[in-house]
Amino acid sequence: MINFAKKSLVLALLAGVGFGATVAQAQERVYVIDQRDVVAKSGFDLCWRTGYWTPAAAAKDPAGCQCDKDLIPAEVCNPPVKAAAAGAAAGGPKPSGEKITVAADALFDFNKATLRPEGKAKLDELVGKAKAIKLEVILVVGHTDRIGGDAYNQKLSEKRAAAVKEYLVAKGIEANRVYTEGKGEKQPVTGDKCKGNGKSKALIDCLQPDRRADIEIIGTK
């Protein structure tokens, strides 16, 4: 029953955009492929992604460098030998990226995933920057400090990233342009300078830089 529903969803997507890709192709690839084995594109020349798309999966897809070069490690799309041959042949608008780190206490209260008014103001600025370019994607990665269990912090970081996406979409950013991920407490920036394992105010204040959201805007000007 689950497989039937999944196949029906894929078929509906393909019918909606007018391409004859097979269900098997759509499941194997992270981009919609038509009957000519060509990536289907929108009117803005952007590749249609399937529900299996993530930056990591795009790096492994044959069309990844064509569709999402800016989200894939440089060595994957530009091996040293090929890079020299390519030279300065590339033309047209150059991709631009901007990574913005927003302290989570500006976006959320401690241990919360509900946006604060100050956080909304910061995201309004980000929306303005996104609308000033031909937006390709916004990556939102939520983080937490080490206080609390691993599983709890993972969920909290995912909820924070989702809250940012929900707000951006409400402000006019297309939902399929925003990719969210939670890293929990895995990527602290405080190192080992904050001592203790309790919930003292001193420790909470010291770990503040770890409670953050990394937001990256990628597009062309």
N, C-alpha and C. Protein backbone atom coordinates (compact mmCIF):
# COMPACT_ATOMS: atom_id res chain seq x y z
N MET A 1 0.82 -1.21 0.00
CA MET A 1 0.00 0.00 0.00
C MET A 1 0.85 1.25 0.00
N ILE A 2 1.95 1.21 0.82
CA ILE A 2 2.86 2.38 0.89
C ILE A 2 3.54 2.59 -0.45
N ASN A 3 4.00 1.46 -1.06
CA ASN A 3 4.68 1.58 -2.35
C ASN A 3 3.74 2.11 -3.41
N PHE A 4 2.47 1.67 -3.38
CA PHE A 4 1.49 2.16 -4.37
C PHE A 4 1.28 3.65 -4.23
N ALA A 5 1.16 4.13 -2.98
CA ALA A 5 0.96 5.56 -2.74
C ALA A 5 2.16 6.36 -3.20
N LYS A 6 3.35 5.82 -2.95
CA LYS A 6 4.59 6.53 -3.33
C LYS A 6 4.66 6.65 -4.84
N LYS A 7 4.32 5.53 -5.56
CA LYS A 7 4.35 5.57 -7.02
C LYS A 7 3.32 6.54 -7.57
N SER A 8 2.16 6.57 -6.95
CA SER A 8 1.11 7.50 -7.40
C SER A 8 1.55 8.93 -7.25
N LEU A 9 2.24 9.25 -6.16
CA LEU A 9 2.73 10.61 -5.93
C LEU A 9 3.72 11.02 -6.99
N VAL A 10 4.64 10.11 -7.32
CA VAL A 10 5.65 10.42 -8.34
C VAL A 10 4.99 10.63 -9.69
N LEU A 11 4.02 9.76 -10.05
CA LEU A 11 3.33 9.89 -11.32
C LEU A 11 2.57 11.20 -11.41
N ALA A 12 1.96 11.61 -10.30
CA ALA A 12 1.23 12.88 -10.30
C ALA A 12 2.16 14.04 -10.52
N LEU A 13 3.33 14.00 -9.90
CA LEU A 13 4.32 15.08 -10.08
C LEU A 13 4.74 15.17 -11.53
N LEU A 14 5.04 14.04 -12.15
CA LEU A 14 5.51 14.05 -13.53
C LEU A 14 4.42 14.52 -14.48
N ALA A 15 3.18 14.10 -14.22
CA ALA A 15 2.08 14.54 -15.07
C ALA A 15 1.88 16.02 -14.96
N GLY A 16 2.07 16.56 -13.74
CA GLY A 16 1.87 17.99 -13.51
C GLY A 16 2.84 18.84 -14.28
N VAL A 17 4.07 18.40 -14.43
CA VAL A 17 5.07 19.23 -15.13
C VAL A 17 5.20 18.83 -16.59
N GLY A 18 4.43 17.80 -17.02
CA GLY A 18 4.38 17.48 -18.43
C GLY A 18 5.56 16.71 -18.96
N PHE A 19 6.21 15.89 -18.14
CA PHE A 19 7.35 15.10 -18.59
C PHE A 19 7.04 13.63 -18.44
N GLY A 20 7.61 12.80 -19.34
CA GLY A 20 7.30 11.38 -19.37
C GLY A 20 8.34 10.52 -18.72
N ALA A 21 8.93 10.95 -17.64
CA ALA A 21 9.91 10.11 -16.95
C ALA A 21 9.22 8.91 -16.35
N THR A 22 9.91 7.82 -16.25
CA THR A 22 9.34 6.63 -15.64
C THR A 22 9.45 6.73 -14.14
N VAL A 23 8.62 5.96 -13.43
CA VAL A 23 8.67 5.95 -11.97
C VAL A 23 10.02 5.46 -11.51
N ALA A 24 10.56 4.46 -12.14
CA ALA A 24 11.85 3.92 -11.74
C ALA A 24 12.93 4.97 -11.83
N GLN A 25 12.93 5.77 -12.92
CA GLN A 25 13.93 6.82 -13.07
C GLN A 25 13.80 7.85 -11.96
N ALA A 26 12.55 8.24 -11.63
CA ALA A 26 12.35 9.27 -10.63
C ALA A 26 12.84 8.81 -9.27
N GLN A 27 12.71 7.48 -8.99
CA GLN A 27 13.13 6.98 -7.71
C GLN A 27 14.65 6.84 -7.62
N GLU A 28 15.30 6.56 -8.76
CA GLU A 28 16.73 6.37 -8.76
C GLU A 28 17.49 7.69 -8.77
N ARG A 29 16.88 8.73 -9.30
CA ARG A 29 17.55 10.00 -9.48
C ARG A 29 16.97 11.04 -8.52
N VAL A 30 17.76 12.06 -8.21
CA VAL A 30 17.25 13.13 -7.34
C VAL A 30 16.72 14.29 -8.17
N TYR A 31 16.75 14.15 -9.51
CA TYR A 31 16.16 15.13 -10.42
C TYR A 31 15.17 14.41 -11.33
N VAL A 32 14.13 15.13 -11.76
CA VAL A 32 13.15 14.55 -12.68
C VAL A 32 13.80 14.44 -14.06
N ILE A 33 13.76 13.23 -14.63
CA ILE A 33 14.38 12.95 -15.93
C ILE A 33 13.28 12.63 -16.94
N ASP A 34 13.33 13.28 -18.15
CA ASP A 34 12.30 12.98 -19.15
C ASP A 34 12.71 11.77 -19.98
N GLN A 35 11.90 11.44 -21.00
CA GLN A 35 12.12 10.24 -21.79
C GLN A 35 13.40 10.30 -22.62
N ARG A 36 13.94 11.50 -22.81
CA ARG A 36 15.20 11.64 -23.54
C ARG A 36 16.40 11.50 -22.62
N ASP A 37 16.14 11.19 -21.34
CA ASP A 37 17.19 11.10 -20.33
C ASP A 37 17.82 12.47 -20.09
N VAL A 38 16.99 13.51 -20.18
CA VAL A 38 17.41 14.88 -19.96
C VAL A 38 16.70 15.41 -18.72
N VAL A 39 17.41 16.20 -17.93
CA VAL A 39 16.82 16.76 -16.71
C VAL A 39 15.72 17.75 -17.06
N ALA A 40 14.55 17.58 -16.45
CA ALA A 40 13.45 18.51 -16.66
C ALA A 40 13.72 19.82 -15.92
N LYS A 41 13.41 20.95 -16.58
CA LYS A 41 13.69 22.26 -15.99
C LYS A 41 12.45 23.14 -15.97
N SER A 42 12.46 24.07 -15.03
CA SER A 42 11.36 25.01 -14.91
C SER A 42 11.54 26.15 -15.91
N GLY A 43 10.57 27.04 -15.94
CA GLY A 43 10.67 28.20 -16.83
C GLY A 43 11.83 29.11 -16.47
N PHE A 44 12.37 28.98 -15.27
CA PHE A 44 13.52 29.78 -14.84
C PHE A 44 14.83 29.01 -15.04
N ASP A 45 14.76 27.92 -15.80
CA ASP A 45 15.94 27.10 -16.12
C ASP A 45 16.52 26.43 -14.87
N LEU A 46 15.66 26.12 -13.91
CA LEU A 46 16.09 25.42 -12.71
C LEU A 46 15.64 23.97 -12.79
N CYS A 47 16.49 23.05 -12.38
CA CYS A 47 16.18 21.62 -12.47
C CYS A 47 15.07 21.25 -11.48
N TRP A 48 14.15 20.42 -11.95
CA TRP A 48 13.11 19.91 -11.05
C TRP A 48 13.70 18.83 -10.17
N ARG A 49 13.53 18.97 -8.87
CA ARG A 49 14.05 17.98 -7.92
C ARG A 49 12.97 17.01 -7.50
N THR A 50 13.37 15.78 -7.20
CA THR A 50 12.44 14.81 -6.64
C THR A 50 12.48 14.92 -5.12
N GLY A 51 11.63 14.14 -4.45
CA GLY A 51 11.62 14.17 -2.99
C GLY A 51 12.84 13.54 -2.37
N TYR A 52 13.70 12.93 -3.19
CA TYR A 52 14.91 12.29 -2.68
C TYR A 52 16.10 13.26 -2.66
N TRP A 53 15.87 14.53 -3.09
CA TRP A 53 17.00 15.46 -3.21
C TRP A 53 17.51 15.92 -1.86
N THR A 54 18.82 15.87 -1.70
CA THR A 54 19.55 16.53 -0.61
C THR A 54 20.87 16.97 -1.23
N PRO A 55 21.60 17.91 -0.63
CA PRO A 55 22.90 18.29 -1.19
C PRO A 55 23.84 17.10 -1.35
N ALA A 56 23.82 16.17 -0.36
CA ALA A 56 24.72 15.01 -0.45
C ALA A 56 24.32 14.10 -1.60
N ALA A 57 23.01 13.89 -1.80
CA ALA A 57 22.56 13.03 -2.89
C ALA A 57 22.81 13.68 -4.24
N ALA A 58 22.69 15.01 -4.30
CA ALA A 58 22.94 15.72 -5.56
C ALA A 58 24.38 15.54 -6.01
N ALA A 59 25.31 15.45 -5.05
CA ALA A 59 26.73 15.28 -5.39
C ALA A 59 26.98 13.94 -6.06
N LYS A 60 26.10 12.97 -5.84
CA LYS A 60 26.27 11.64 -6.42
C LYS A 60 25.46 11.45 -7.70
N ASP A 61 24.56 12.38 -7.99
CA ASP A 61 23.71 12.26 -9.18
C ASP A 61 24.47 12.76 -10.41
N PRO A 62 24.35 12.08 -11.56
CA PRO A 62 25.04 12.51 -12.78
C PRO A 62 24.75 13.94 -13.19
N ALA A 63 23.56 14.44 -12.83
CA ALA A 63 23.19 15.80 -13.20
C ALA A 63 23.45 16.81 -12.09
N GLY A 64 24.05 16.35 -10.99
CA GLY A 64 24.25 17.24 -9.84
C GLY A 64 25.04 18.48 -10.16
N CYS A 65 26.17 18.32 -10.88
CA CYS A 65 27.01 19.48 -11.18
C CYS A 65 26.33 20.43 -12.15
N GLN A 66 25.48 19.90 -13.02
CA GLN A 66 24.75 20.73 -13.97
C GLN A 66 23.67 21.55 -13.25
N CYS A 67 23.04 20.93 -12.27
CA CYS A 67 21.87 21.55 -11.64
C CYS A 67 22.20 22.36 -10.38
N ASP A 68 23.10 21.85 -9.55
CA ASP A 68 23.35 22.46 -8.25
C ASP A 68 24.83 22.54 -7.94
N LYS A 69 25.60 23.04 -8.89
CA LYS A 69 27.06 23.07 -8.76
C LYS A 69 27.51 23.80 -7.49
N ASP A 70 26.77 24.85 -7.11
CA ASP A 70 27.20 25.66 -5.97
C ASP A 70 26.97 24.96 -4.63
N LEU A 71 26.21 23.86 -4.64
CA LEU A 71 25.93 23.15 -3.40
C LEU A 71 26.78 21.90 -3.25
N ILE A 72 27.63 21.65 -4.24
CA ILE A 72 28.41 20.41 -4.29
C ILE A 72 29.89 20.75 -4.10
N PRO A 73 30.64 19.93 -3.37
CA PRO A 73 32.07 20.21 -3.18
C PRO A 73 32.78 20.47 -4.51
N ALA A 74 33.64 21.48 -4.53
CA ALA A 74 34.30 21.91 -5.77
C ALA A 74 35.04 20.77 -6.46
N GLU A 75 35.65 19.89 -5.67
CA GLU A 75 36.46 18.83 -6.28
C GLU A 75 35.61 17.81 -7.03
N VAL A 76 34.29 17.75 -6.71
CA VAL A 76 33.41 16.82 -7.42
C VAL A 76 33.13 17.33 -8.84
N CYS A 77 32.85 18.61 -8.95
CA CYS A 77 32.49 19.18 -10.26
C CYS A 77 33.69 19.72 -11.04
N ASN A 78 34.78 20.00 -10.36
CA ASN A 78 35.95 20.56 -11.03
C ASN A 78 37.21 19.80 -10.64
N PRO A 79 37.35 18.58 -11.14
CA PRO A 79 38.60 17.86 -10.89
C PRO A 79 39.76 18.69 -11.43
N PRO A 80 40.95 18.63 -10.81
CA PRO A 80 42.08 19.47 -11.22
C PRO A 80 42.38 19.46 -12.71
N VAL A 81 42.32 18.29 -13.36
CA VAL A 81 42.67 18.21 -14.78
C VAL A 81 41.64 18.94 -15.62
N LYS A 82 40.35 18.73 -15.30
CA LYS A 82 39.30 19.36 -16.09
C LYS A 82 39.23 20.86 -15.85
N ALA A 83 39.53 21.27 -14.64
CA ALA A 83 39.45 22.69 -14.31
C ALA A 83 40.39 23.50 -15.17
N ALA A 84 41.60 22.99 -15.43
CA ALA A 84 42.57 23.70 -16.24
C ALA A 84 42.08 23.82 -17.67
N ALA A 85 41.44 22.76 -18.18
CA ALA A 85 40.96 22.77 -19.55
C ALA A 85 39.79 23.72 -19.72
N ALA A 86 38.98 23.83 -18.66
CA ALA A 86 37.82 24.70 -18.76
C ALA A 86 38.23 26.15 -18.90
N GLY A 87 39.30 26.54 -18.20
CA GLY A 87 39.84 27.90 -18.32
C GLY A 87 38.79 28.95 -18.04
N ALA A 88 38.79 29.98 -18.87
CA ALA A 88 37.87 31.10 -18.69
C ALA A 88 36.71 31.02 -19.65
N ALA A 89 36.37 29.79 -20.07
CA ALA A 89 35.32 29.63 -21.07
C ALA A 89 33.94 29.95 -20.52
N ALA A 90 33.77 29.85 -19.22
CA ALA A 90 32.44 30.08 -18.63
C ALA A 90 32.00 31.51 -18.83
N GLY A 91 30.73 31.67 -19.15
CA GLY A 91 30.19 33.02 -19.33
C GLY A 91 28.89 33.17 -18.58
N GLY A 92 28.22 34.28 -18.76
CA GLY A 92 26.94 34.53 -18.12
C GLY A 92 27.11 34.95 -16.68
N PRO A 93 26.00 35.07 -15.96
CA PRO A 93 26.05 35.54 -14.58
C PRO A 93 26.76 34.56 -13.67
N LYS A 94 27.57 35.06 -12.78
CA LYS A 94 28.33 34.21 -11.87
C LYS A 94 27.51 33.98 -10.61
N PRO A 95 27.51 32.72 -10.11
CA PRO A 95 26.76 32.44 -8.89
C PRO A 95 27.34 33.23 -7.72
N SER A 96 26.48 33.65 -6.84
CA SER A 96 26.96 34.33 -5.64
C SER A 96 26.35 33.64 -4.43
N GLY A 97 27.12 33.56 -3.39
CA GLY A 97 26.62 32.94 -2.18
C GLY A 97 26.91 33.81 -0.98
N GLU A 98 26.03 33.78 -0.03
CA GLU A 98 26.24 34.54 1.20
C GLU A 98 25.81 33.68 2.37
N LYS A 99 26.71 33.49 3.30
CA LYS A 99 26.40 32.69 4.49
C LYS A 99 26.23 33.63 5.67
N ILE A 100 25.12 33.50 6.33
CA ILE A 100 24.80 34.37 7.46
C ILE A 100 24.59 33.49 8.69
N THR A 101 25.32 33.77 9.74
CA THR A 101 25.12 33.04 11.00
C THR A 101 24.28 33.92 11.93
N VAL A 102 23.13 33.39 12.33
CA VAL A 102 22.22 34.14 13.19
C VAL A 102 22.20 33.48 14.56
N ALA A 103 22.58 34.21 15.58
CA ALA A 103 22.58 33.66 16.94
C ALA A 103 21.17 33.22 17.32
N ALA A 104 21.05 32.00 17.83
CA ALA A 104 19.73 31.44 18.10
C ALA A 104 18.99 32.20 19.20
N ASP A 105 19.71 32.87 20.10
CA ASP A 105 18.98 33.61 21.14
C ASP A 105 18.34 34.87 20.58
N ALA A 106 18.76 35.28 19.37
CA ALA A 106 18.08 36.39 18.69
C ALA A 106 16.82 35.87 18.00
N LEU A 107 16.84 34.60 17.61
CA LEU A 107 15.70 33.99 16.94
C LEU A 107 14.74 33.32 17.93
N PHE A 108 15.31 32.68 18.94
CA PHE A 108 14.50 31.86 19.87
C PHE A 108 14.90 32.11 21.32
N ASP A 109 13.98 31.88 22.22
CA ASP A 109 14.32 31.84 23.64
C ASP A 109 15.09 30.55 23.91
N PHE A 110 15.82 30.52 25.03
CA PHE A 110 16.58 29.32 25.41
C PHE A 110 15.65 28.11 25.49
N ASN A 111 16.06 27.03 24.82
CA ASN A 111 15.32 25.77 24.85
C ASN A 111 13.98 25.85 24.12
N LYS A 112 13.81 26.84 23.21
CA LYS A 112 12.56 27.02 22.48
C LYS A 112 12.82 27.01 20.97
N ALA A 113 11.73 26.80 20.20
CA ALA A 113 11.84 26.83 18.75
C ALA A 113 10.79 27.78 18.15
N THR A 114 10.28 28.70 18.97
CA THR A 114 9.31 29.70 18.50
C THR A 114 10.05 31.01 18.23
N LEU A 115 9.87 31.56 17.05
CA LEU A 115 10.60 32.77 16.67
C LEU A 115 10.21 33.96 17.54
N ARG A 116 11.21 34.72 17.96
CA ARG A 116 11.00 35.95 18.71
C ARG A 116 10.85 37.12 17.74
N PRO A 117 10.24 38.23 18.15
CA PRO A 117 10.12 39.40 17.26
C PRO A 117 11.47 39.87 16.71
N GLU A 118 12.52 39.84 17.56
CA GLU A 118 13.85 40.25 17.08
C GLU A 118 14.35 39.30 16.00
N GLY A 119 14.04 38.02 16.15
CA GLY A 119 14.44 37.04 15.14
C GLY A 119 13.72 37.26 13.83
N LYS A 120 12.44 37.60 13.90
CA LYS A 120 11.67 37.86 12.68
C LYS A 120 12.24 39.06 11.93
N ALA A 121 12.68 40.08 12.66
CA ALA A 121 13.27 41.26 12.02
C ALA A 121 14.54 40.89 11.26
N LYS A 122 15.35 40.02 11.85
CA LYS A 122 16.57 39.58 11.17
C LYS A 122 16.24 38.77 9.92
N LEU A 123 15.21 37.94 10.01
CA LEU A 123 14.83 37.14 8.85
C LEU A 123 14.21 38.02 7.76
N ASP A 124 13.56 39.10 8.15
CA ASP A 124 13.03 40.04 7.15
C ASP A 124 14.17 40.63 6.31
N GLU A 125 15.28 40.93 6.97
CA GLU A 125 16.46 41.43 6.25
C GLU A 125 16.96 40.37 5.27
N LEU A 126 16.97 39.14 5.72
CA LEU A 126 17.44 38.04 4.88
C LEU A 126 16.53 37.87 3.65
N VAL A 127 15.22 37.99 3.85
CA VAL A 127 14.28 37.88 2.74
C VAL A 127 14.54 38.97 1.70
N GLY A 128 14.85 40.17 2.18
CA GLY A 128 15.17 41.25 1.26
C GLY A 128 16.38 40.93 0.40
N LYS A 129 17.39 40.34 0.99
CA LYS A 129 18.59 39.95 0.24
C LYS A 129 18.28 38.84 -0.75
N ALA A 130 17.44 37.90 -0.34
CA ALA A 130 17.09 36.79 -1.22
C ALA A 130 16.31 37.27 -2.44
N LYS A 131 15.44 38.27 -2.24
CA LYS A 131 14.62 38.76 -3.34
C LYS A 131 15.38 39.70 -4.26
N ALA A 132 16.58 40.11 -3.83
CA ALA A 132 17.40 41.00 -4.67
C ALA A 132 18.23 40.23 -5.68
N ILE A 133 18.21 38.89 -5.60
CA ILE A 133 18.96 38.06 -6.54
C ILE A 133 18.03 37.04 -7.17
N LYS A 134 18.52 36.35 -8.18
CA LYS A 134 17.78 35.22 -8.74
C LYS A 134 18.09 34.03 -7.84
N LEU A 135 17.21 33.80 -6.90
CA LEU A 135 17.46 32.84 -5.83
C LEU A 135 17.45 31.41 -6.36
N GLU A 136 18.44 30.64 -5.94
CA GLU A 136 18.48 29.22 -6.24
C GLU A 136 18.07 28.40 -5.02
N VAL A 137 18.71 28.65 -3.90
CA VAL A 137 18.37 27.87 -2.71
C VAL A 137 18.81 28.61 -1.46
N ILE A 138 18.10 28.35 -0.38
CA ILE A 138 18.49 28.83 0.95
C ILE A 138 18.69 27.59 1.81
N LEU A 139 19.86 27.48 2.41
CA LEU A 139 20.16 26.36 3.31
C LEU A 139 20.06 26.85 4.75
N VAL A 140 19.27 26.19 5.55
CA VAL A 140 19.10 26.56 6.95
C VAL A 140 19.54 25.38 7.82
N VAL A 141 20.54 25.58 8.64
CA VAL A 141 21.04 24.52 9.51
C VAL A 141 20.90 24.98 10.97
N GLY A 142 20.11 24.24 11.73
CA GLY A 142 19.90 24.58 13.13
C GLY A 142 20.91 23.88 14.03
N HIS A 143 21.32 24.55 15.11
CA HIS A 143 22.29 24.00 16.06
C HIS A 143 21.80 24.25 17.49
N THR A 144 22.32 23.46 18.43
CA THR A 144 22.03 23.67 19.85
C THR A 144 23.33 23.61 20.64
N ASP A 145 23.22 23.96 21.92
CA ASP A 145 24.38 23.75 22.80
C ASP A 145 24.34 22.30 23.30
N ARG A 146 25.24 21.94 24.20
CA ARG A 146 25.35 20.55 24.65
C ARG A 146 24.42 20.22 25.82
N ILE A 147 23.74 21.23 26.37
CA ILE A 147 22.86 20.98 27.51
C ILE A 147 21.67 20.14 27.04
N GLY A 148 21.42 19.03 27.70
CA GLY A 148 20.33 18.15 27.31
C GLY A 148 20.86 16.92 26.58
N GLY A 149 19.97 15.96 26.30
CA GLY A 149 20.37 14.72 25.63
C GLY A 149 20.57 14.92 24.14
N ASP A 150 21.32 13.99 23.53
CA ASP A 150 21.61 14.07 22.11
C ASP A 150 20.33 14.05 21.27
N ALA A 151 19.45 13.12 21.56
CA ALA A 151 18.22 12.98 20.77
C ALA A 151 17.34 14.23 20.90
N TYR A 152 17.25 14.76 22.12
CA TYR A 152 16.44 15.97 22.34
C TYR A 152 17.01 17.15 21.56
N ASN A 153 18.31 17.31 21.63
CA ASN A 153 18.94 18.44 20.94
C ASN A 153 18.83 18.31 19.43
N GLN A 154 18.88 17.09 18.92
CA GLN A 154 18.71 16.88 17.48
C GLN A 154 17.32 17.35 17.05
N LYS A 155 16.31 16.95 17.81
CA LYS A 155 14.94 17.37 17.49
C LYS A 155 14.78 18.88 17.59
N LEU A 156 15.38 19.47 18.62
CA LEU A 156 15.27 20.92 18.81
C LEU A 156 15.91 21.67 17.65
N SER A 157 17.07 21.20 17.20
CA SER A 157 17.74 21.88 16.08
C SER A 157 16.92 21.77 14.80
N GLU A 158 16.25 20.62 14.60
CA GLU A 158 15.40 20.45 13.42
C GLU A 158 14.18 21.35 13.50
N LYS A 159 13.60 21.48 14.69
CA LYS A 159 12.43 22.35 14.87
C LYS A 159 12.80 23.81 14.62
N ARG A 160 13.99 24.21 15.07
CA ARG A 160 14.42 25.60 14.86
C ARG A 160 14.61 25.88 13.37
N ALA A 161 15.23 24.95 12.65
CA ALA A 161 15.42 25.13 11.21
C ALA A 161 14.07 25.18 10.50
N ALA A 162 13.13 24.32 10.92
CA ALA A 162 11.81 24.30 10.31
C ALA A 162 11.05 25.59 10.58
N ALA A 163 11.22 26.16 11.77
CA ALA A 163 10.55 27.43 12.10
C ALA A 163 11.06 28.55 11.21
N VAL A 164 12.37 28.55 10.95
CA VAL A 164 12.94 29.56 10.05
C VAL A 164 12.36 29.40 8.65
N LYS A 165 12.29 28.16 8.15
CA LYS A 165 11.74 27.92 6.82
C LYS A 165 10.29 28.38 6.74
N GLU A 166 9.51 28.02 7.74
CA GLU A 166 8.09 28.40 7.74
C GLU A 166 7.92 29.91 7.63
N TYR A 167 8.76 30.65 8.34
CA TYR A 167 8.66 32.11 8.31
C TYR A 167 9.08 32.64 6.93
N LEU A 168 10.17 32.11 6.36
CA LEU A 168 10.63 32.56 5.05
C LEU A 168 9.57 32.31 3.98
N VAL A 169 8.93 31.14 4.04
CA VAL A 169 7.88 30.81 3.07
C VAL A 169 6.71 31.77 3.22
N ALA A 170 6.35 32.09 4.46
CA ALA A 170 5.25 33.03 4.71
C ALA A 170 5.55 34.41 4.16
N LYS A 171 6.84 34.71 4.01
CA LYS A 171 7.26 36.01 3.48
C LYS A 171 7.47 36.00 1.96
N GLY A 172 7.10 34.89 1.32
CA GLY A 172 7.13 34.86 -0.13
C GLY A 172 8.23 34.04 -0.77
N ILE A 173 9.09 33.40 0.04
CA ILE A 173 10.12 32.54 -0.53
C ILE A 173 9.49 31.19 -0.87
N GLU A 174 9.76 30.66 -2.06
CA GLU A 174 9.20 29.38 -2.47
C GLU A 174 9.70 28.26 -1.54
N ALA A 175 8.78 27.42 -1.11
CA ALA A 175 9.13 26.37 -0.16
C ALA A 175 10.20 25.42 -0.70
N ASN A 176 10.16 25.15 -2.02
CA ASN A 176 11.14 24.21 -2.58
C ASN A 176 12.52 24.83 -2.76
N ARG A 177 12.65 26.11 -2.38
CA ARG A 177 13.96 26.77 -2.43
C ARG A 177 14.67 26.70 -1.07
N VAL A 178 13.98 26.24 -0.04
CA VAL A 178 14.54 26.25 1.31
C VAL A 178 14.79 24.83 1.78
N TYR A 179 16.04 24.51 2.04
CA TYR A 179 16.42 23.19 2.52
C TYR A 179 16.86 23.31 3.98
N THR A 180 16.27 22.49 4.84
CA THR A 180 16.57 22.59 6.28
C THR A 180 17.26 21.33 6.77
N GLU A 181 18.07 21.52 7.79
CA GLU A 181 18.78 20.40 8.42
C GLU A 181 19.08 20.76 9.86
N GLY A 182 19.05 19.77 10.73
CA GLY A 182 19.41 19.98 12.13
C GLY A 182 20.68 19.23 12.46
N LYS A 183 21.60 19.90 13.12
CA LYS A 183 22.86 19.27 13.51
C LYS A 183 22.93 18.99 15.01
N GLY A 184 21.87 19.35 15.74
CA GLY A 184 21.89 19.11 17.18
C GLY A 184 23.06 19.82 17.84
N GLU A 185 23.78 19.09 18.70
CA GLU A 185 24.93 19.67 19.41
C GLU A 185 26.26 19.24 18.78
N LYS A 186 26.21 18.69 17.56
CA LYS A 186 27.39 18.08 16.94
C LYS A 186 28.46 19.06 16.50
N GLN A 187 28.10 20.31 16.25
CA GLN A 187 29.06 21.27 15.70
C GLN A 187 29.17 22.52 16.58
N PRO A 188 29.63 22.36 17.82
CA PRO A 188 29.78 23.53 18.70
C PRO A 188 30.91 24.44 18.21
N VAL A 189 30.78 25.71 18.49
CA VAL A 189 31.84 26.66 18.14
C VAL A 189 32.58 27.14 19.40
N THR A 190 32.11 26.73 20.56
CA THR A 190 32.74 27.18 21.81
C THR A 190 33.94 26.32 22.20
N GLY A 191 34.11 25.17 21.54
CA GLY A 191 35.24 24.31 21.89
C GLY A 191 35.10 23.77 23.30
N ASP A 192 36.20 23.82 24.08
CA ASP A 192 36.17 23.29 25.44
C ASP A 192 36.30 24.39 26.49
N LYS A 193 35.96 25.61 26.10
CA LYS A 193 36.15 26.72 27.04
C LYS A 193 35.04 26.82 28.08
N CYS A 194 33.88 26.18 27.82
CA CYS A 194 32.77 26.26 28.77
C CYS A 194 32.77 25.01 29.66
N LYS A 195 33.02 25.20 30.94
CA LYS A 195 33.14 24.08 31.87
C LYS A 195 31.82 23.80 32.58
N GLY A 196 31.66 22.54 32.98
CA GLY A 196 30.48 22.16 33.74
C GLY A 196 29.45 21.45 32.88
N ASN A 197 28.51 20.76 33.55
CA ASN A 197 27.47 20.03 32.85
C ASN A 197 26.07 20.36 33.36
N GLY A 198 25.96 21.29 34.26
CA GLY A 198 24.65 21.65 34.80
C GLY A 198 23.93 22.66 33.92
N LYS A 199 22.97 23.36 34.53
CA LYS A 199 22.22 24.38 33.79
C LYS A 199 22.38 25.74 34.48
N SER A 200 23.58 25.99 34.97
CA SER A 200 23.81 27.27 35.63
C SER A 200 23.75 28.40 34.61
N LYS A 201 23.43 29.59 35.07
CA LYS A 201 23.34 30.74 34.17
C LYS A 201 24.69 31.01 33.50
N ALA A 202 25.76 30.79 34.26
CA ALA A 202 27.10 31.03 33.70
C ALA A 202 27.37 30.10 32.53
N LEU A 203 27.00 28.82 32.67
CA LEU A 203 27.23 27.86 31.58
C LEU A 203 26.33 28.17 30.39
N ILE A 204 25.07 28.49 30.66
CA ILE A 204 24.13 28.82 29.58
C ILE A 204 24.64 30.02 28.79
N ASP A 205 25.11 31.03 29.50
CA ASP A 205 25.63 32.23 28.82
C ASP A 205 26.88 31.89 28.01
N CYS A 206 27.74 31.05 28.57
CA CYS A 206 28.99 30.69 27.89
C CYS A 206 28.72 29.92 26.59
N LEU A 207 27.69 29.07 26.61
CA LEU A 207 27.38 28.24 25.45
C LEU A 207 26.51 28.95 24.41
N GLN A 208 26.19 30.22 24.65
CA GLN A 208 25.31 30.94 23.73
C GLN A 208 25.73 30.85 22.26
N PRO A 209 27.02 30.97 21.91
CA PRO A 209 27.38 30.90 20.48
C PRO A 209 27.01 29.59 19.81
N ASP A 210 26.87 28.51 20.60
CA ASP A 210 26.51 27.22 20.02
C ASP A 210 25.02 27.17 19.64
N ARG A 211 24.21 28.01 20.28
CA ARG A 211 22.78 28.05 19.99
C ARG A 211 22.56 29.01 18.83
N ARG A 212 22.66 28.46 17.62
CA ARG A 212 22.68 29.33 16.45
C ARG A 212 21.96 28.65 15.28
N ALA A 213 21.74 29.45 14.24
CA ALA A 213 21.22 28.93 12.97
C ALA A 213 22.12 29.46 11.86
N ASP A 214 22.67 28.58 11.06
CA ASP A 214 23.47 29.00 9.91
C ASP A 214 22.55 29.04 8.69
N ILE A 215 22.50 30.19 8.06
CA ILE A 215 21.61 30.37 6.91
C ILE A 215 22.44 30.82 5.71
N GLU A 216 22.39 30.05 4.64
CA GLU A 216 23.18 30.38 3.45
C GLU A 216 22.24 30.62 2.27
N ILE A 217 22.43 31.79 1.62
CA ILE A 217 21.64 32.16 0.45
C ILE A 217 22.50 31.97 -0.79
N ILE A 218 22.01 31.25 -1.77
CA ILE A 218 22.76 31.03 -3.00
C ILE A 218 21.89 31.40 -4.20
N GLY A 219 22.45 32.20 -5.10
CA GLY A 219 21.72 32.61 -6.29
C GLY A 219 22.62 33.38 -7.22
N THR A 220 22.06 33.99 -8.25
CA THR A 220 22.83 34.80 -9.19
C THR A 220 22.28 36.21 -9.21
N LYS A 221 23.18 37.17 -9.40
CA LYS A 221 22.78 38.58 -9.42
C LYS A 221 22.42 39.02 -10.84
